[in-house]
């Protein structure tokens, strides 16, 4: 991926397993010089639930405002 883009969004489930996976994936990206952005779906538990309850416009707004994931 790093050869194709430096614009990466991490959007995993909002539970503990998703948060741990996000930390692990973020560390991998940082080792290769990519700083991902954090895409949260709270209060929903996952992307599907978020889209069903909030809609695609809300998702687009979250993409635009996503902060960098930094340890």
N, C-alpha and C. Protein backbone atom coordinates (compact mmCIF):
# COMPACT_ATOMS: atom_id res chain seq x y z
N UNK A 1 0.80 -1.21 0.00
CA UNK A 1 0.00 0.00 0.00
C UNK A 1 0.84 1.26 0.00
N UNK A 2 1.96 1.25 0.71
CA UNK A 2 2.75 2.46 0.82
C UNK A 2 3.33 2.90 -0.53
N UNK A 3 3.44 1.98 -1.48
CA UNK A 3 3.90 2.35 -2.82
C UNK A 3 2.80 3.07 -3.60
N UNK A 4 1.55 2.84 -3.21
CA UNK A 4 0.41 3.41 -3.95
C UNK A 4 -0.11 4.70 -3.35
N UNK A 5 -0.08 4.81 -2.00
CA UNK A 5 -0.62 6.00 -1.35
C UNK A 5 -0.09 6.12 0.06
N UNK A 6 -0.09 7.33 0.56
CA UNK A 6 0.22 7.60 1.96
C UNK A 6 -1.05 8.00 2.70
N UNK A 7 -2.17 7.99 2.00
CA UNK A 7 -3.46 8.39 2.54
C UNK A 7 -4.23 7.15 2.97
N UNK A 8 -4.08 6.77 4.25
CA UNK A 8 -4.67 5.53 4.76
C UNK A 8 -5.60 5.87 5.93
N UNK A 9 -6.77 5.25 5.93
CA UNK A 9 -7.72 5.39 7.03
C UNK A 9 -7.85 4.05 7.72
N UNK A 10 -7.80 4.06 9.07
CA UNK A 10 -8.04 2.86 9.85
C UNK A 10 -9.43 2.99 10.47
N UNK A 11 -10.32 2.10 10.08
CA UNK A 11 -11.67 2.11 10.63
C UNK A 11 -12.09 0.71 11.00
N UNK A 12 -11.82 0.34 12.22
CA UNK A 12 -12.16 -1.00 12.69
C UNK A 12 -13.31 -0.91 13.69
N UNK A 13 -13.78 -2.06 14.13
CA UNK A 13 -14.86 -2.10 15.12
C UNK A 13 -14.48 -1.30 16.36
N UNK A 14 -15.50 -0.80 17.06
CA UNK A 14 -15.29 0.03 18.24
C UNK A 14 -15.09 -0.76 19.53
N UNK A 15 -15.08 -2.08 19.44
CA UNK A 15 -14.88 -2.89 20.65
C UNK A 15 -13.40 -2.99 20.98
N UNK A 16 -13.08 -3.66 22.10
CA UNK A 16 -11.68 -3.78 22.53
C UNK A 16 -10.81 -4.47 21.51
N UNK A 17 -11.32 -5.52 20.87
CA UNK A 17 -10.54 -6.24 19.85
C UNK A 17 -10.21 -5.32 18.68
N UNK A 18 -11.16 -4.50 18.25
CA UNK A 18 -10.92 -3.57 17.16
C UNK A 18 -9.90 -2.51 17.53
N UNK A 19 -9.96 -2.03 18.76
CA UNK A 19 -9.00 -1.02 19.22
C UNK A 19 -7.59 -1.58 19.31
N UNK A 20 -7.48 -2.83 19.80
CA UNK A 20 -6.15 -3.47 19.86
C UNK A 20 -5.60 -3.70 18.46
N UNK A 21 -6.45 -4.14 17.55
CA UNK A 21 -6.00 -4.37 16.17
C UNK A 21 -5.56 -3.04 15.55
N UNK A 22 -6.29 -1.97 15.83
CA UNK A 22 -5.92 -0.66 15.28
C UNK A 22 -4.55 -0.23 15.77
N UNK A 23 -4.25 -0.45 17.04
CA UNK A 23 -2.94 -0.10 17.57
C UNK A 23 -1.84 -0.89 16.86
N UNK A 24 -2.08 -2.17 16.67
CA UNK A 24 -1.09 -3.04 16.02
C UNK A 24 -0.87 -2.63 14.56
N UNK A 25 -1.96 -2.38 13.84
CA UNK A 25 -1.86 -1.98 12.43
C UNK A 25 -1.21 -0.61 12.31
N UNK A 26 -1.57 0.31 13.21
CA UNK A 26 -0.96 1.64 13.19
C UNK A 26 0.55 1.55 13.37
N UNK A 27 1.00 0.71 14.30
CA UNK A 27 2.44 0.55 14.52
C UNK A 27 3.13 0.03 13.27
N UNK A 28 2.49 -0.90 12.57
CA UNK A 28 3.07 -1.42 11.32
C UNK A 28 3.19 -0.33 10.27
N UNK A 29 2.15 0.48 10.12
CA UNK A 29 2.21 1.57 9.15
C UNK A 29 3.27 2.60 9.52
N UNK A 30 3.36 2.93 10.81
CA UNK A 30 4.35 3.93 11.23
C UNK A 30 5.77 3.47 10.96
N UNK A 31 6.02 2.16 11.06
CA UNK A 31 7.36 1.64 10.77
C UNK A 31 7.77 1.87 9.32
N UNK A 32 6.80 1.96 8.42
CA UNK A 32 7.13 2.19 7.01
C UNK A 32 6.88 3.64 6.58
N UNK A 33 6.66 4.52 7.58
CA UNK A 33 6.54 5.94 7.29
C UNK A 33 5.17 6.42 6.86
N UNK A 34 4.13 5.65 7.16
CA UNK A 34 2.77 6.06 6.82
C UNK A 34 2.03 6.38 8.12
N UNK A 35 1.42 7.57 8.17
CA UNK A 35 0.64 7.97 9.34
C UNK A 35 -0.85 7.87 9.00
N UNK A 36 -1.50 6.78 9.41
CA UNK A 36 -2.92 6.60 9.10
C UNK A 36 -3.80 7.59 9.85
N UNK A 37 -5.00 7.77 9.34
CA UNK A 37 -6.01 8.57 10.01
C UNK A 37 -7.00 7.64 10.68
N UNK A 38 -7.55 8.08 11.81
CA UNK A 38 -8.47 7.28 12.59
C UNK A 38 -9.91 7.56 12.19
N UNK A 39 -10.60 6.53 11.81
CA UNK A 39 -12.01 6.63 11.45
C UNK A 39 -12.81 5.86 12.50
N UNK A 40 -13.57 6.60 13.32
CA UNK A 40 -14.35 5.95 14.37
C UNK A 40 -15.81 5.84 13.96
N UNK A 41 -16.45 4.83 14.49
CA UNK A 41 -17.86 4.59 14.18
C UNK A 41 -18.74 4.71 15.41
N UNK A 42 -18.17 5.15 16.52
CA UNK A 42 -18.94 5.30 17.75
C UNK A 42 -20.04 6.33 17.57
N UNK A 43 -21.22 6.13 18.08
CA UNK A 43 -21.60 5.14 19.07
C UNK A 43 -21.92 3.77 18.47
N UNK A 44 -21.87 3.62 17.17
CA UNK A 44 -22.10 2.32 16.54
C UNK A 44 -20.93 1.41 16.85
N UNK A 45 -21.15 0.09 16.76
CA UNK A 45 -20.07 -0.85 17.07
C UNK A 45 -19.22 -1.20 15.87
N UNK A 46 -19.73 -0.98 14.65
CA UNK A 46 -18.96 -1.33 13.45
C UNK A 46 -19.42 -0.48 12.26
N UNK A 47 -18.69 -0.54 11.14
CA UNK A 47 -19.03 0.29 9.97
C UNK A 47 -20.44 0.04 9.44
N UNK A 48 -20.86 -1.20 9.40
CA UNK A 48 -22.18 -1.51 8.87
C UNK A 48 -23.28 -0.88 9.71
N UNK A 49 -23.17 -1.03 11.02
CA UNK A 49 -24.17 -0.44 11.92
C UNK A 49 -24.17 1.08 11.80
N UNK A 50 -22.98 1.67 11.66
CA UNK A 50 -22.88 3.13 11.51
C UNK A 50 -23.60 3.59 10.24
N UNK A 51 -23.34 2.93 9.13
CA UNK A 51 -23.98 3.32 7.87
C UNK A 51 -25.49 3.16 7.92
N UNK A 52 -25.95 2.10 8.55
CA UNK A 52 -27.39 1.88 8.65
C UNK A 52 -28.07 2.93 9.52
N UNK A 53 -27.40 3.36 10.58
CA UNK A 53 -28.03 4.32 11.50
C UNK A 53 -27.76 5.78 11.12
N UNK A 54 -26.58 6.07 10.58
CA UNK A 54 -26.19 7.46 10.33
C UNK A 54 -26.21 7.85 8.85
N UNK A 55 -25.93 6.91 7.96
CA UNK A 55 -25.94 7.18 6.53
C UNK A 55 -24.58 7.55 5.96
N UNK A 56 -24.53 7.60 4.64
CA UNK A 56 -23.24 7.81 3.95
C UNK A 56 -22.73 9.24 4.08
N UNK A 57 -23.61 10.22 4.22
CA UNK A 57 -23.16 11.60 4.38
C UNK A 57 -22.40 11.76 5.69
N UNK A 58 -22.91 11.14 6.75
CA UNK A 58 -22.22 11.18 8.04
C UNK A 58 -20.85 10.50 7.93
N UNK A 59 -20.78 9.42 7.16
CA UNK A 59 -19.49 8.75 6.95
C UNK A 59 -18.52 9.66 6.21
N UNK A 60 -18.99 10.33 5.19
CA UNK A 60 -18.13 11.25 4.44
C UNK A 60 -17.62 12.38 5.35
N UNK A 61 -18.45 12.87 6.23
CA UNK A 61 -18.02 13.91 7.17
C UNK A 61 -16.94 13.39 8.11
N UNK A 62 -17.10 12.17 8.56
CA UNK A 62 -16.07 11.58 9.43
C UNK A 62 -14.76 11.37 8.69
N UNK A 63 -14.84 10.99 7.43
CA UNK A 63 -13.62 10.84 6.63
C UNK A 63 -12.89 12.16 6.49
N UNK A 64 -13.64 13.23 6.25
CA UNK A 64 -13.03 14.56 6.09
C UNK A 64 -12.38 15.07 7.37
N UNK A 65 -12.92 14.70 8.52
CA UNK A 65 -12.44 15.21 9.80
C UNK A 65 -11.57 14.22 10.57
N UNK A 66 -11.23 13.12 9.96
CA UNK A 66 -10.47 12.07 10.66
C UNK A 66 -9.09 12.57 11.09
N UNK A 67 -8.78 12.41 12.38
CA UNK A 67 -7.44 12.82 12.87
C UNK A 67 -6.41 11.73 12.60
N UNK A 68 -5.14 12.11 12.65
CA UNK A 68 -4.06 11.12 12.53
C UNK A 68 -4.06 10.21 13.74
N UNK A 69 -3.75 8.95 13.51
CA UNK A 69 -3.59 8.00 14.62
C UNK A 69 -2.13 8.12 15.06
N UNK A 70 -1.94 8.56 16.28
CA UNK A 70 -0.59 8.73 16.81
C UNK A 70 -0.53 8.06 18.17
N UNK A 71 0.54 7.32 18.41
CA UNK A 71 0.69 6.66 19.72
C UNK A 71 1.03 7.68 20.78
